[in-house]
C-alpha cells in the first residue's frame, strides 16, 4: 500500500538564537518593530512537509509517494530521495524558479520565527491526482493554495481517503473553504493553535468537526495529543524525549507515523501514540530528516 503525500519540498535554513524572543520584542512597540538577532548556529537541511512526512513514513517501513515540486536548484534533493529509496515519480521540476525555502530561527525556549519563500511550490497544482490501485491513502499538507484546494477535490473524486493537515497553510483559507476541506477529508489533524483557528473560522467545535470525519487529532506538543472520534475526546499521553534539541519537523514526523498506523488499519489513538513516539525521537536530533528509527525497538 502506498500513501500519496501532497505538500512542499523545501530547503530549511535553521538558525539558533541563544536568547529569548520575548526578551527582545517589546509588546508596546510592535508598531515600530525593528529587531536583529545574533544567530551563532546556522545550518541548511532538507525539509518541506512532503519531504519530512515521506522520510518519517519510509523510516517506519511504509511506501511514501511525495507529490511536490522542486526548482532548478533541487537536484541535490532529488538525489537524496532516490538514495533513501523514496519514489520521485510525482516530483516535478519547475524551471525559472527556486525550490521553496524556509528560514527558521529558534530561541532557547524552542519558540520559532519562520520566513518562507514558496518558489516552485506555487506550481504544485499542475500535477493531478488520479485513482491508482496501489494508492490507498493520502494527505494534504501545507502546499500552494491552489494545489491544496484542487488535490483535496481530486482525492475525493478518486475515492482515496485522505488526511487534511492544513498546518501553517490554514490562514490562507476562509471558513467555507475550510469547511469544504473537512467535508472532503477522512481525517483531520491540527496542532492546538490551528485547532482553535479552524473552529473559529468554520464555527464548529472540535466535537462538531469529529462528527464530520472518521477522526480528528489535535497535537499538544509536550502534552501529547487529543483524539476526537464521534464527538468524544481521548487524551494520548506524550513520550518524554531523551533530549530537547530541535523542534523543526516534529509535526511532520508525527504525521508520517499517523499515515503508517492508518495504513495498518490501527485505531486512531494507537496511530497517535506512535506519532508521539516519533515526535520525541525527532526532537532529540537537529534537522527534520536526520533521525533514525529502530523498527524492532
Protein backbone atom coordinates (compact mmCIF):
# COMPACT_ATOMS: atom_id res chain seq x y z
CA UNK A 1 0.00 0.00 0.00
CA UNK A 2 1.32 3.45 -0.91
CA UNK A 3 0.44 6.84 0.58
CA UNK A 4 0.33 9.91 -1.65
CA UNK A 5 1.83 12.85 0.23
CA UNK A 6 0.86 16.25 -1.16
CA UNK A 7 2.91 19.12 0.18
CA UNK A 8 6.14 21.05 -0.09
CA UNK A 9 9.75 20.12 -0.65
CA UNK A 10 11.95 22.85 0.75
CA UNK A 11 15.42 23.72 1.90
CA UNK A 12 15.42 24.74 5.57
CA UNK A 13 17.97 27.26 6.75
CA UNK A 14 17.88 26.80 10.51
CA UNK A 15 19.37 29.41 12.84
CA UNK A 16 19.83 29.22 16.60
CA UNK A 17 19.26 32.31 18.75
CA UNK A 18 20.70 31.75 22.21
CA UNK A 19 18.41 34.24 23.94
CA UNK A 20 14.63 34.53 24.19
CA UNK A 21 12.47 36.30 21.64
CA UNK A 22 10.28 37.59 24.46
CA UNK A 23 13.22 39.50 25.90
CA UNK A 24 13.93 41.21 22.58
CA UNK A 25 10.44 42.15 21.42
CA UNK A 26 8.61 44.93 23.30
CA UNK A 27 4.85 44.33 23.11
CA UNK A 28 4.03 48.04 23.28
CA UNK A 29 6.42 48.82 20.40
CA UNK A 30 5.20 46.32 17.82
CA UNK A 31 4.03 49.14 15.55
CA UNK A 32 7.69 50.18 15.06
CA UNK A 33 9.25 46.73 15.32
CA UNK A 34 12.90 46.72 14.27
CA UNK A 35 14.92 43.88 15.76
CA UNK A 36 18.04 41.93 14.87
CA UNK A 37 19.00 38.55 16.31
CA UNK A 38 22.57 37.25 16.54
CA UNK A 39 22.45 33.59 15.45
CA UNK A 40 25.77 31.80 16.09
CA UNK A 41 24.35 28.48 14.91
CA UNK A 42 23.30 28.04 11.27
CA UNK A 43 22.81 25.02 9.04
CA UNK A 44 20.90 24.03 5.90
CA UNK A 45 18.68 20.96 5.91
CA UNK A 46 16.37 19.13 3.55
CA UNK A 47 12.82 19.89 4.61
CA UNK A 48 9.32 20.74 3.49
CA UNK A 49 6.23 18.95 4.78
CA UNK A 50 6.03 16.38 1.97
CA UNK A 51 9.72 15.55 2.27
CA UNK A 52 9.63 15.30 6.06
CA UNK A 53 6.47 13.20 6.17
CA UNK A 54 7.84 10.90 3.46
CA UNK A 55 11.08 10.50 5.42
CA UNK A 56 9.16 9.50 8.56
CA UNK A 57 6.86 7.07 6.76
CA UNK A 58 9.76 5.47 4.89
CA UNK A 59 11.72 5.07 8.14
CA UNK A 60 8.75 3.13 9.55
CA UNK A 61 8.71 0.79 6.56
CA UNK A 62 5.94 2.47 4.58
CA UNK A 63 5.74 3.42 0.91
CA UNK A 64 5.54 7.20 0.56
CA UNK A 65 4.79 8.86 -2.76
CA UNK A 66 5.53 12.57 -2.35
CA UNK A 67 3.68 14.78 -4.82
CA UNK A 68 5.59 18.04 -4.87
CA UNK A 69 7.66 20.48 -6.90
CA UNK A 70 11.34 21.44 -6.93
CA UNK A 71 13.04 24.41 -8.55
CA UNK A 72 16.08 24.35 -10.78
CA UNK A 73 18.24 24.21 -7.62
CA UNK A 74 16.61 20.96 -6.46
CA UNK A 75 18.91 18.32 -7.98
CA UNK A 76 20.51 17.51 -4.62
CA UNK A 77 17.13 16.98 -3.01
CA UNK A 78 16.02 14.72 -5.84
CA UNK A 79 19.19 12.65 -5.46
CA UNK A 80 18.67 12.42 -1.70
CA UNK A 81 15.18 10.99 -2.08
CA UNK A 82 16.39 8.44 -4.59
CA UNK A 83 19.21 7.43 -2.22
CA UNK A 84 16.68 6.98 0.59
CA UNK A 85 14.51 4.81 -1.65
CA UNK A 86 11.68 7.35 -1.74
CA UNK A 87 9.86 7.46 -5.06
CA UNK A 88 10.23 10.66 -7.09
CA UNK A 89 7.55 9.66 -9.61
CA UNK A 90 5.34 12.60 -8.64
CA UNK A 91 8.10 15.13 -8.01
CA UNK A 92 8.25 17.73 -10.77
CA UNK A 93 10.92 20.32 -11.56
CA UNK A 94 9.72 23.87 -12.23
CA UNK A 95 12.06 25.90 -14.41
CA UNK A 96 12.95 29.53 -13.68
CA UNK A 97 12.05 29.07 -10.02
CA UNK A 98 13.82 28.30 -6.78
CA UNK A 99 12.87 25.37 -4.60
CA UNK A 100 10.80 26.54 -1.64
CA UNK A 101 12.98 27.95 1.13
CA UNK A 102 12.23 28.18 4.86
CA UNK A 103 14.34 30.40 7.09
CA UNK A 104 13.71 29.22 10.64
CA UNK A 105 15.04 30.87 13.79
CA UNK A 106 14.71 29.05 17.13
CA UNK A 107 15.27 30.61 20.55
CA UNK A 108 16.39 28.91 23.77
CA UNK A 109 12.77 28.08 24.68
CA UNK A 110 12.21 26.39 21.28
CA UNK A 111 9.97 29.22 20.08
CA UNK A 112 10.34 29.73 16.35
CA UNK A 113 10.11 32.58 13.83
CA UNK A 114 9.91 31.43 10.21
CA UNK A 115 10.10 33.22 6.86
CA UNK A 116 9.01 31.12 3.90
CA UNK A 117 9.58 31.64 0.16
CA UNK A 118 7.21 29.31 -1.75
CA UNK A 119 9.04 29.33 -5.10
CA UNK A 120 8.26 26.23 -7.15
CA UNK A 121 5.62 25.17 -4.65
CA UNK A 122 3.20 27.64 -6.20
CA UNK A 123 3.02 25.39 -9.29
CA UNK A 124 2.17 22.22 -7.34
CA UNK A 125 -1.44 22.27 -8.56
CA UNK A 126 -0.32 21.40 -12.11
CA UNK A 127 0.21 17.77 -11.03
CA UNK A 128 -3.13 15.95 -10.76
CA UNK A 129 -4.22 13.09 -8.55
CA UNK A 130 -5.70 10.12 -10.36
CA UNK A 131 -7.08 6.86 -9.00
CA UNK A 132 -4.49 4.08 -8.96
CA UNK A 133 -4.75 0.61 -7.47
CA UNK A 134 -1.65 0.88 -5.27
CA UNK A 135 -2.55 4.28 -3.76
CA UNK A 136 -4.81 3.61 -0.81
CA UNK A 137 -4.25 6.69 1.33
CA UNK A 138 -3.26 10.34 1.04
CA UNK A 139 -2.54 13.51 2.93
CA UNK A 140 -2.97 17.20 2.10
CA UNK A 141 -0.20 19.02 3.95
CA UNK A 142 0.82 22.70 3.55
CA UNK A 143 1.36 23.47 -0.13
CA UNK A 144 0.38 26.07 -2.70
CA UNK A 145 -3.15 27.32 -2.13
CA UNK A 146 -4.47 26.11 -5.49
CA UNK A 147 -2.78 22.74 -5.01
CA UNK A 148 -4.41 22.18 -1.62
CA UNK A 149 -7.86 23.05 -2.94
CA UNK A 150 -7.57 21.02 -6.14
CA UNK A 151 -5.82 17.99 -4.65
CA UNK A 152 -8.46 17.65 -1.93
CA UNK A 153 -11.19 17.59 -4.58
CA UNK A 154 -9.16 15.14 -6.67
CA UNK A 155 -8.64 12.79 -3.71
CA UNK A 156 -12.38 12.77 -3.15
CA UNK A 157 -13.12 12.18 -6.85
CA UNK A 158 -10.62 9.31 -6.95
CA UNK A 159 -12.21 7.80 -3.81
CA UNK A 160 -8.87 7.90 -1.95
CA UNK A 161 -9.29 8.52 1.81
CA UNK A 162 -7.03 11.32 2.98
CA UNK A 163 -5.84 13.34 5.95
CA UNK A 164 -6.38 17.09 5.90
CA UNK A 165 -3.34 18.63 7.59
CA UNK A 166 -3.51 22.39 6.89
CA UNK A 167 -0.61 23.35 9.19
CA UNK A 168 0.81 26.78 8.52
CA UNK A 169 -1.29 26.94 5.34
CA UNK A 170 -4.54 27.21 7.32
CA UNK A 171 -4.67 31.06 7.37
CA UNK A 172 -4.89 31.08 3.54
CA UNK A 173 -8.46 29.77 3.68
CA UNK A 174 -11.73 31.26 4.86
CA UNK A 175 -14.45 29.46 6.79
CA UNK A 176 -16.40 27.98 3.85
CA UNK A 177 -13.19 26.72 2.22
CA UNK A 178 -12.04 25.07 5.45
CA UNK A 179 -15.49 23.55 5.93
CA UNK A 180 -15.26 22.05 2.45
CA UNK A 181 -11.85 20.56 3.23
CA UNK A 182 -13.26 18.93 6.36
CA UNK A 183 -16.26 17.56 4.47
CA UNK A 184 -14.00 16.08 1.78
CA UNK A 185 -11.42 14.62 4.19
CA UNK A 186 -11.47 11.33 6.05
CA UNK A 187 -9.30 12.53 8.95
CA UNK A 188 -8.15 15.97 10.14
CA UNK A 189 -5.02 16.77 12.11
CA UNK A 190 -4.01 20.15 13.56
CA UNK A 191 -1.99 21.49 16.46
CA UNK A 192 -3.78 23.26 19.31
CA UNK A 193 -3.38 26.76 17.83
CA UNK A 194 -4.52 25.62 14.38
CA UNK A 195 -7.42 23.78 16.01
CA UNK A 196 -8.64 26.99 17.62
CA UNK A 197 -8.35 28.84 14.30
CA UNK A 198 -10.16 26.05 12.45
CA UNK A 199 -13.01 26.16 14.95
CA UNK A 200 -13.17 29.95 14.83
CA UNK A 201 -13.34 30.11 11.03
CA UNK A 202 -15.78 27.24 10.48
CA UNK A 203 -17.96 27.94 13.50
CA UNK A 204 -17.67 24.29 14.52
CA UNK A 205 -16.33 22.92 17.78
CA UNK A 206 -13.71 20.15 17.82
CA UNK A 207 -16.52 17.71 18.64
CA UNK A 208 -18.52 19.01 15.68
CA UNK A 209 -15.57 18.53 13.32
CA UNK A 210 -15.01 14.98 14.57
CA UNK A 211 -18.61 14.12 13.67
CA UNK A 212 -17.91 15.03 10.04
CA UNK A 213 -14.82 12.80 9.62
CA UNK A 214 -13.57 9.45 10.89
CA UNK A 215 -11.34 11.20 13.38
CA UNK A 216 -9.70 14.47 14.39
CA UNK A 217 -6.35 14.72 16.17
CA UNK A 218 -5.13 17.84 17.93
CA UNK A 219 -1.43 17.69 18.80
CA UNK A 220 -0.41 19.45 22.02
CA UNK A 221 3.38 19.43 21.84
CA UNK A 222 4.86 18.29 25.15
CA UNK A 223 1.35 17.45 26.44
CA UNK A 224 0.73 14.67 23.89
CA UNK A 225 -2.42 14.92 21.79
CA UNK A 226 -6.20 14.70 21.79
CA UNK A 227 -8.03 12.22 19.59
CA UNK A 228 -11.62 13.07 18.78
CA UNK A 229 -13.88 10.37 17.32
CA UNK A 230 -17.67 10.73 17.02
CA UNK A 231 -17.65 13.73 19.34
CA UNK A 232 -15.70 12.03 22.13
CA UNK A 233 -12.19 13.03 23.24
CA UNK A 234 -9.35 10.71 24.24
CA UNK A 235 -6.07 12.08 25.56
CA UNK A 236 -2.98 10.26 24.28
CA UNK A 237 -0.06 10.95 26.65
CA UNK A 238 3.28 12.29 25.46
CA UNK A 239 6.52 10.39 25.17
CA UNK A 240 9.41 12.01 27.00
CA UNK A 241 12.36 12.60 24.64
CA UNK A 242 15.91 11.77 25.66
CA UNK A 243 16.78 15.40 24.86
CA UNK A 244 15.07 18.51 23.51
CA UNK A 245 17.37 19.70 20.73
CA UNK A 246 15.35 20.97 17.76
CA UNK A 247 11.56 21.02 17.25
CA UNK A 248 11.80 21.59 13.48
CA UNK A 249 9.91 18.82 11.69
CA UNK A 250 8.41 17.18 14.79
CA UNK A 251 4.87 17.60 13.47
CA UNK A 252 5.83 16.05 10.15
CA UNK A 253 7.50 13.08 11.88
CA UNK A 254 4.25 12.68 13.82
CA UNK A 255 2.19 12.71 10.61
CA UNK A 256 4.38 10.11 8.93
CA UNK A 257 3.63 7.85 11.88
CA UNK A 258 -0.07 8.65 11.59
CA UNK A 259 -0.05 7.53 7.96
CA UNK A 260 1.82 4.35 8.88
CA UNK A 261 -0.77 3.48 11.51
CA UNK A 262 -3.65 4.23 9.17
CA UNK A 263 -2.04 2.04 6.51
CA UNK A 264 -2.01 -0.79 9.07
CA UNK A 265 -5.65 -0.22 9.98
CA UNK A 266 -4.87 0.73 13.59
CA UNK A 267 -7.35 2.60 15.80
CA UNK A 268 -6.68 6.34 15.73
CA UNK A 269 -5.40 6.55 19.35
CA UNK A 270 -2.81 3.87 18.52
CA UNK A 271 -1.73 5.84 15.45
CA UNK A 272 -1.43 8.96 17.61
CA UNK A 273 0.66 7.11 20.20
CA UNK A 274 3.16 6.11 17.51
CA UNK A 275 3.15 9.72 16.35
CA UNK A 276 4.09 10.86 19.85
CA UNK A 277 6.98 8.40 19.87
CA UNK A 278 8.22 9.67 16.51
CA UNK A 279 7.95 13.28 17.60
CA UNK A 280 10.01 12.54 20.71
CA UNK A 281 12.60 10.74 18.59
CA UNK A 282 12.89 13.62 16.13
CA UNK A 283 13.12 16.43 18.69
CA UNK A 284 16.29 14.85 20.08
CA UNK A 285 18.07 15.37 16.73
CA UNK A 286 18.88 18.50 14.75
CA UNK A 287 17.10 18.94 11.43
CA UNK A 288 13.84 17.44 10.20
CA UNK A 289 15.35 14.41 8.41
CA UNK A 290 18.36 13.33 10.47
CA UNK A 291 16.88 10.87 12.98
CA UNK A 292 16.84 7.09 12.68
CA UNK A 293 14.19 4.55 13.62
CA UNK A 294 14.77 1.09 15.10
CA UNK A 295 11.87 -0.87 13.64
CA UNK A 296 12.21 -3.68 16.18
CA UNK A 297 12.60 -1.24 19.10
